[in-house]
Amino acid sequence: MNLNRRTLVTGMVLSFFMVSAALAANKAPFDAAAFEAARDSGRPVVLQVAATWCGPCQQMKRTVSELLEKPEFKGVTVFEADYDANKADLKKVNAYHVTTLVLYRDKHEVQRMVGETRPEAIEPLLRKAM
């Protein structure tokens, strides 16, 4: 079988996107119904509350994304909620602040963290999910 350069490059690009999708599979944009279903399933779920205008929120999101690349956090699902767009739904779970992480396991809130962006503080929260 002859592989030309175009076929090889196409294969490499597709592989990259498949790996990227697999790594990002445990992050989802906030959807109230999907969040509730995931939380009620008993699986470990983290609600991440951030705003586009909030600098510390962006740092928290980067930190969480980097930590989720570790294989041990493969089973944790993170729902990324926009503070401004999802206010009504966030009030239902008492998430009134930006830069907030709320961990749920077995349908119950386990831990809440507000204002934290450091990996050494966020990683233990994710470990509690396992």
N, C-alpha and C. Protein backbone atom coordinates (compact mmCIF):
# COMPACT_ATOMS: atom_id res chain seq x y z
N MET A 1 0.84 -1.17 0.00
CA MET A 1 0.00 0.00 0.00
C MET A 1 0.89 1.24 0.00
N ASN A 2 0.62 2.16 -0.88
CA ASN A 2 1.37 3.39 -0.97
C ASN A 2 0.71 4.48 -0.14
N LEU A 3 1.47 5.08 0.74
CA LEU A 3 0.97 6.21 1.50
C LEU A 3 1.60 7.48 0.94
N ASN A 4 0.79 8.38 0.50
CA ASN A 4 1.35 9.64 0.06
C ASN A 4 1.33 10.62 1.23
N ARG A 5 1.94 11.75 1.03
CA ARG A 5 2.07 12.73 2.09
C ARG A 5 0.70 13.23 2.57
N ARG A 6 -0.23 13.46 1.67
CA ARG A 6 -1.56 13.96 2.04
C ARG A 6 -2.28 12.95 2.95
N THR A 7 -2.20 11.68 2.63
CA THR A 7 -2.84 10.64 3.43
C THR A 7 -2.22 10.58 4.82
N LEU A 8 -0.90 10.67 4.87
CA LEU A 8 -0.19 10.63 6.14
C LEU A 8 -0.56 11.83 7.01
N VAL A 9 -0.55 13.03 6.44
CA VAL A 9 -0.89 14.24 7.20
C VAL A 9 -2.34 14.19 7.66
N THR A 10 -3.24 13.74 6.79
CA THR A 10 -4.65 13.64 7.16
C THR A 10 -4.82 12.69 8.34
N GLY A 11 -4.13 11.57 8.30
CA GLY A 11 -4.20 10.60 9.39
C GLY A 11 -3.68 11.18 10.69
N MET A 12 -2.59 11.93 10.62
CA MET A 12 -2.02 12.55 11.82
C MET A 12 -2.99 13.58 12.40
N VAL A 13 -3.59 14.39 11.55
CA VAL A 13 -4.53 15.41 12.02
C VAL A 13 -5.74 14.75 12.68
N LEU A 14 -6.28 13.71 12.05
CA LEU A 14 -7.43 13.01 12.63
C LEU A 14 -7.07 12.38 13.97
N SER A 15 -5.90 11.81 14.08
CA SER A 15 -5.45 11.22 15.34
C SER A 15 -5.35 12.28 16.43
N PHE A 16 -4.82 13.44 16.08
CA PHE A 16 -4.70 14.53 17.04
C PHE A 16 -6.07 14.92 17.57
N PHE A 17 -7.05 15.09 16.67
CA PHE A 17 -8.38 15.49 17.11
C PHE A 17 -9.06 14.40 17.93
N MET A 18 -8.82 13.15 17.61
CA MET A 18 -9.42 12.06 18.39
C MET A 18 -8.85 12.03 19.80
N VAL A 19 -7.55 12.22 19.94
CA VAL A 19 -6.92 12.25 21.26
C VAL A 19 -7.39 13.47 22.02
N SER A 20 -7.46 14.63 21.37
CA SER A 20 -7.93 15.85 22.03
C SER A 20 -9.36 15.69 22.51
N ALA A 21 -10.20 15.09 21.71
CA ALA A 21 -11.60 14.88 22.10
C ALA A 21 -11.68 13.92 23.28
N ALA A 22 -10.86 12.92 23.29
CA ALA A 22 -10.88 11.96 24.40
C ALA A 22 -10.45 12.63 25.70
N LEU A 23 -9.44 13.51 25.64
CA LEU A 23 -9.00 14.21 26.83
C LEU A 23 -10.04 15.20 27.31
N ALA A 24 -10.76 15.82 26.39
CA ALA A 24 -11.75 16.82 26.75
C ALA A 24 -13.12 16.20 27.04
N ALA A 25 -13.23 14.89 26.92
CA ALA A 25 -14.52 14.23 27.08
C ALA A 25 -15.10 14.42 28.47
N ASN A 26 -14.29 14.71 29.47
CA ASN A 26 -14.83 14.88 30.81
C ASN A 26 -15.14 16.34 31.15
N LYS A 27 -15.18 17.20 30.14
CA LYS A 27 -15.61 18.59 30.32
C LYS A 27 -16.81 18.83 29.42
N ALA A 28 -17.79 19.55 29.97
CA ALA A 28 -18.98 19.83 29.19
C ALA A 28 -19.50 21.22 29.54
N PRO A 29 -20.04 21.93 28.55
CA PRO A 29 -20.68 23.20 28.87
C PRO A 29 -21.90 22.92 29.74
N PHE A 30 -22.20 23.83 30.64
CA PHE A 30 -23.30 23.62 31.57
C PHE A 30 -24.64 23.56 30.84
N ASP A 31 -25.37 22.53 31.15
CA ASP A 31 -26.74 22.35 30.72
C ASP A 31 -27.45 21.79 31.95
N ALA A 32 -28.50 22.49 32.40
CA ALA A 32 -29.14 22.14 33.67
C ALA A 32 -29.59 20.68 33.71
N ALA A 33 -30.22 20.21 32.64
CA ALA A 33 -30.72 18.83 32.62
C ALA A 33 -29.58 17.83 32.63
N ALA A 34 -28.54 18.06 31.83
CA ALA A 34 -27.40 17.14 31.77
C ALA A 34 -26.65 17.14 33.10
N PHE A 35 -26.50 18.32 33.70
CA PHE A 35 -25.83 18.43 34.99
C PHE A 35 -26.59 17.65 36.06
N GLU A 36 -27.90 17.84 36.11
CA GLU A 36 -28.72 17.14 37.10
C GLU A 36 -28.66 15.63 36.90
N ALA A 37 -28.73 15.20 35.64
CA ALA A 37 -28.67 13.77 35.35
C ALA A 37 -27.32 13.18 35.76
N ALA A 38 -26.25 13.88 35.47
CA ALA A 38 -24.91 13.40 35.83
C ALA A 38 -24.76 13.36 37.35
N ARG A 39 -25.22 14.40 38.01
CA ARG A 39 -25.13 14.45 39.47
C ARG A 39 -25.97 13.34 40.11
N ASP A 40 -27.17 13.10 39.58
CA ASP A 40 -28.05 12.07 40.13
C ASP A 40 -27.57 10.66 39.81
N SER A 41 -26.67 10.52 38.84
CA SER A 41 -26.16 9.20 38.48
C SER A 41 -25.22 8.63 39.53
N GLY A 42 -24.72 9.49 40.40
CA GLY A 42 -23.77 9.05 41.41
C GLY A 42 -22.32 9.18 40.98
N ARG A 43 -22.10 9.49 39.71
CA ARG A 43 -20.73 9.69 39.22
C ARG A 43 -20.16 10.98 39.83
N PRO A 44 -18.84 11.08 39.91
CA PRO A 44 -18.25 12.32 40.42
C PRO A 44 -18.43 13.45 39.40
N VAL A 45 -18.97 14.56 39.87
CA VAL A 45 -19.26 15.71 39.03
C VAL A 45 -18.74 16.96 39.72
N VAL A 46 -18.12 17.84 38.93
CA VAL A 46 -17.67 19.13 39.44
C VAL A 46 -18.38 20.22 38.65
N LEU A 47 -18.98 21.15 39.36
CA LEU A 47 -19.57 22.34 38.76
C LEU A 47 -18.52 23.44 38.86
N GLN A 48 -18.15 23.99 37.72
CA GLN A 48 -17.15 25.06 37.66
C GLN A 48 -17.87 26.34 37.24
N VAL A 49 -17.88 27.34 38.10
CA VAL A 49 -18.58 28.59 37.83
C VAL A 49 -17.55 29.67 37.53
N ALA A 50 -17.67 30.26 36.35
CA ALA A 50 -16.72 31.29 35.93
C ALA A 50 -17.44 32.33 35.08
N ALA A 51 -16.80 33.46 34.91
CA ALA A 51 -17.32 34.51 34.04
C ALA A 51 -16.23 34.91 33.06
N THR A 52 -16.64 35.30 31.87
CA THR A 52 -15.67 35.67 30.84
C THR A 52 -14.86 36.90 31.24
N TRP A 53 -15.43 37.78 32.05
CA TRP A 53 -14.78 39.02 32.45
C TRP A 53 -13.89 38.86 33.68
N CYS A 54 -13.83 37.67 34.23
CA CYS A 54 -13.14 37.42 35.50
C CYS A 54 -11.77 36.77 35.25
N GLY A 55 -10.71 37.52 35.54
CA GLY A 55 -9.35 37.00 35.35
C GLY A 55 -9.05 35.76 36.18
N PRO A 56 -9.32 35.78 37.50
CA PRO A 56 -9.07 34.58 38.29
C PRO A 56 -9.87 33.37 37.79
N CYS A 57 -11.06 33.61 37.26
CA CYS A 57 -11.87 32.50 36.72
C CYS A 57 -11.14 31.82 35.56
N GLN A 58 -10.52 32.61 34.71
CA GLN A 58 -9.81 32.06 33.57
C GLN A 58 -8.62 31.23 34.04
N GLN A 59 -7.95 31.69 35.10
CA GLN A 59 -6.83 30.93 35.66
C GLN A 59 -7.35 29.62 36.26
N MET A 60 -8.48 29.67 36.97
CA MET A 60 -9.07 28.46 37.54
C MET A 60 -9.41 27.47 36.44
N LYS A 61 -10.00 27.95 35.35
CA LYS A 61 -10.37 27.07 34.24
C LYS A 61 -9.14 26.41 33.63
N ARG A 62 -8.05 27.18 33.47
CA ARG A 62 -6.80 26.60 32.94
C ARG A 62 -6.27 25.52 33.88
N THR A 63 -6.28 25.82 35.17
CA THR A 63 -5.78 24.87 36.16
C THR A 63 -6.59 23.58 36.13
N VAL A 64 -7.92 23.70 36.10
CA VAL A 64 -8.77 22.51 36.07
C VAL A 64 -8.51 21.72 34.79
N SER A 65 -8.41 22.41 33.67
CA SER A 65 -8.16 21.72 32.40
C SER A 65 -6.84 20.95 32.44
N GLU A 66 -5.80 21.57 32.98
CA GLU A 66 -4.50 20.90 33.08
C GLU A 66 -4.58 19.68 33.99
N LEU A 67 -5.28 19.81 35.11
CA LEU A 67 -5.41 18.68 36.03
C LEU A 67 -6.22 17.54 35.42
N LEU A 68 -7.22 17.88 34.63
CA LEU A 68 -8.06 16.85 34.01
C LEU A 68 -7.30 16.03 32.97
N GLU A 69 -6.15 16.49 32.55
CA GLU A 69 -5.33 15.73 31.62
C GLU A 69 -4.67 14.54 32.30
N LYS A 70 -4.63 14.54 33.63
CA LYS A 70 -4.05 13.42 34.36
C LYS A 70 -5.00 12.23 34.28
N PRO A 71 -4.47 11.05 34.02
CA PRO A 71 -5.33 9.87 33.86
C PRO A 71 -6.20 9.56 35.08
N GLU A 72 -5.73 9.90 36.28
CA GLU A 72 -6.50 9.56 37.48
C GLU A 72 -7.82 10.33 37.59
N PHE A 73 -7.96 11.40 36.80
CA PHE A 73 -9.19 12.19 36.86
C PHE A 73 -10.11 11.91 35.67
N LYS A 74 -9.84 10.82 34.98
CA LYS A 74 -10.62 10.46 33.80
C LYS A 74 -12.11 10.30 34.12
N GLY A 75 -12.44 9.84 35.30
CA GLY A 75 -13.83 9.59 35.67
C GLY A 75 -14.59 10.79 36.19
N VAL A 76 -13.93 11.95 36.29
CA VAL A 76 -14.59 13.15 36.80
C VAL A 76 -15.16 13.96 35.64
N THR A 77 -16.43 14.33 35.74
CA THR A 77 -17.04 15.18 34.73
C THR A 77 -17.14 16.59 35.28
N VAL A 78 -16.66 17.57 34.52
CA VAL A 78 -16.71 18.97 34.91
C VAL A 78 -17.69 19.70 34.01
N PHE A 79 -18.68 20.34 34.63
CA PHE A 79 -19.62 21.17 33.90
C PHE A 79 -19.19 22.62 34.07
N GLU A 80 -18.93 23.28 32.94
CA GLU A 80 -18.46 24.66 32.95
C GLU A 80 -19.65 25.60 32.82
N ALA A 81 -20.01 26.26 33.92
CA ALA A 81 -21.16 27.17 33.92
C ALA A 81 -20.68 28.61 33.81
N ASP A 82 -21.31 29.36 32.94
CA ASP A 82 -21.05 30.79 32.81
C ASP A 82 -21.89 31.52 33.86
N TYR A 83 -21.24 32.27 34.70
CA TYR A 83 -21.89 32.96 35.81
C TYR A 83 -23.04 33.85 35.35
N ASP A 84 -22.84 34.55 34.26
CA ASP A 84 -23.86 35.49 33.77
C ASP A 84 -24.98 34.78 33.01
N ALA A 85 -24.64 33.80 32.22
CA ALA A 85 -25.64 33.13 31.37
C ALA A 85 -26.48 32.11 32.14
N ASN A 86 -25.96 31.57 33.24
CA ASN A 86 -26.65 30.49 33.96
C ASN A 86 -27.07 30.88 35.37
N LYS A 87 -27.29 32.18 35.61
CA LYS A 87 -27.57 32.66 36.97
C LYS A 87 -28.74 31.94 37.65
N ALA A 88 -29.84 31.79 36.94
CA ALA A 88 -31.03 31.18 37.56
C ALA A 88 -30.73 29.74 38.00
N ASP A 89 -30.07 28.97 37.14
CA ASP A 89 -29.75 27.58 37.49
C ASP A 89 -28.70 27.51 38.60
N LEU A 90 -27.76 28.44 38.61
CA LEU A 90 -26.73 28.44 39.64
C LEU A 90 -27.31 28.77 41.01
N LYS A 91 -28.33 29.62 41.05
CA LYS A 91 -28.98 29.92 42.32
C LYS A 91 -29.60 28.67 42.94
N LYS A 92 -30.07 27.76 42.12
CA LYS A 92 -30.70 26.53 42.62
C LYS A 92 -29.72 25.65 43.38
N VAL A 93 -28.44 25.79 43.09
CA VAL A 93 -27.42 25.01 43.80
C VAL A 93 -26.56 25.91 44.69
N ASN A 94 -27.08 27.10 44.98
CA ASN A 94 -26.42 28.07 45.86
C ASN A 94 -25.02 28.45 45.41
N ALA A 95 -24.83 28.56 44.12
CA ALA A 95 -23.54 28.99 43.56
C ALA A 95 -23.66 30.46 43.17
N TYR A 96 -23.34 31.32 44.11
CA TYR A 96 -23.55 32.76 43.94
C TYR A 96 -22.29 33.54 43.59
N HIS A 97 -21.17 32.84 43.48
CA HIS A 97 -19.89 33.54 43.27
C HIS A 97 -19.16 32.98 42.05
N VAL A 98 -18.39 33.87 41.42
CA VAL A 98 -17.50 33.42 40.34
C VAL A 98 -16.31 32.70 40.98
N THR A 99 -15.52 32.05 40.15
CA THR A 99 -14.35 31.29 40.60
C THR A 99 -14.76 30.28 41.68
N THR A 100 -15.78 29.51 41.35
CA THR A 100 -16.31 28.52 42.29
C THR A 100 -16.23 27.12 41.69
N LEU A 101 -15.84 26.18 42.52
CA LEU A 101 -15.86 24.76 42.16
C LEU A 101 -16.70 24.05 43.22
N VAL A 102 -17.64 23.23 42.76
CA VAL A 102 -18.47 22.46 43.67
C VAL A 102 -18.38 21.00 43.25
N LEU A 103 -17.95 20.15 44.17
CA LEU A 103 -17.81 18.73 43.91
C LEU A 103 -19.03 17.99 44.42
N TYR A 104 -19.59 17.14 43.53
CA TYR A 104 -20.70 16.27 43.90
C TYR A 104 -20.27 14.82 43.69
N ARG A 105 -20.66 13.98 44.63
CA ARG A 105 -20.43 12.55 44.50
C ARG A 105 -21.60 11.84 45.18
N ASP A 106 -22.08 10.80 44.56
CA ASP A 106 -23.23 10.06 45.08
C ASP A 106 -24.42 10.98 45.34
N LYS A 107 -24.65 11.89 44.40
CA LYS A 107 -25.79 12.81 44.40
C LYS A 107 -25.70 13.94 45.42
N HIS A 108 -24.62 13.99 46.19
CA HIS A 108 -24.52 14.99 47.26
C HIS A 108 -23.31 15.88 47.07
N GLU A 109 -23.43 17.12 47.55
CA GLU A 109 -22.28 18.02 47.54
C GLU A 109 -21.27 17.53 48.57
N VAL A 110 -20.02 17.42 48.12
CA VAL A 110 -18.95 16.93 48.98
C VAL A 110 -18.08 18.09 49.46
N GLN A 111 -17.78 19.01 48.54
CA GLN A 111 -16.90 20.12 48.88
C GLN A 111 -17.17 21.28 47.94
N ARG A 112 -16.95 22.49 48.47
CA ARG A 112 -17.11 23.71 47.68
C ARG A 112 -15.86 24.55 47.90
N MET A 113 -15.40 25.18 46.83
CA MET A 113 -14.20 26.00 46.89
C MET A 113 -14.48 27.28 46.11
N VAL A 114 -14.20 28.43 46.72
CA VAL A 114 -14.44 29.71 46.08
C VAL A 114 -13.15 30.52 46.06
N GLY A 115 -12.82 31.06 44.89
CA GLY A 115 -11.69 31.97 44.77
C GLY A 115 -10.33 31.30 44.62
N GLU A 116 -10.30 30.01 44.47
CA GLU A 116 -9.02 29.30 44.41
C GLU A 116 -8.62 29.03 42.96
N THR A 117 -7.35 29.26 42.65
CA THR A 117 -6.84 29.04 41.30
C THR A 117 -5.60 28.16 41.29
N ARG A 118 -5.01 27.92 42.44
CA ARG A 118 -3.74 27.19 42.52
C ARG A 118 -3.95 25.69 42.33
N PRO A 119 -3.11 25.06 41.51
CA PRO A 119 -3.23 23.61 41.30
C PRO A 119 -3.14 22.82 42.61
N GLU A 120 -2.25 23.24 43.51
CA GLU A 120 -2.07 22.50 44.76
C GLU A 120 -3.30 22.58 45.68
N ALA A 121 -4.19 23.52 45.43
CA ALA A 121 -5.44 23.59 46.19
C ALA A 121 -6.58 22.88 45.46
N ILE A 122 -6.60 22.96 44.14
CA ILE A 122 -7.69 22.36 43.36
C ILE A 122 -7.53 20.85 43.20
N GLU A 123 -6.31 20.39 43.09
CA GLU A 123 -6.08 18.95 42.88
C GLU A 123 -6.68 18.10 44.01
N PRO A 124 -6.54 18.47 45.29
CA PRO A 124 -7.17 17.65 46.34
C PRO A 124 -8.70 17.58 46.21
N LEU A 125 -9.32 18.63 45.73
CA LEU A 125 -10.76 18.60 45.51
C LEU A 125 -11.09 17.54 44.46
N LEU A 126 -10.35 17.52 43.37
CA LEU A 126 -10.58 16.52 42.33
C LEU A 126 -10.29 15.11 42.84
N ARG A 127 -9.30 14.97 43.72
CA ARG A 127 -8.98 13.66 44.27
C ARG A 127 -10.12 13.14 45.16
N LYS A 128 -10.82 14.04 45.83
CA LYS A 128 -11.96 13.63 46.65
C LYS A 128 -13.09 13.05 45.80
N ALA A 129 -13.08 13.39 44.53
CA ALA A 129 -14.13 12.88 43.63
C ALA A 129 -13.94 11.40 43.37
N MET A 130 -12.73 10.91 43.47
CA MET A 130 -12.43 9.53 43.11
C MET A 130 -12.72 8.56 44.23
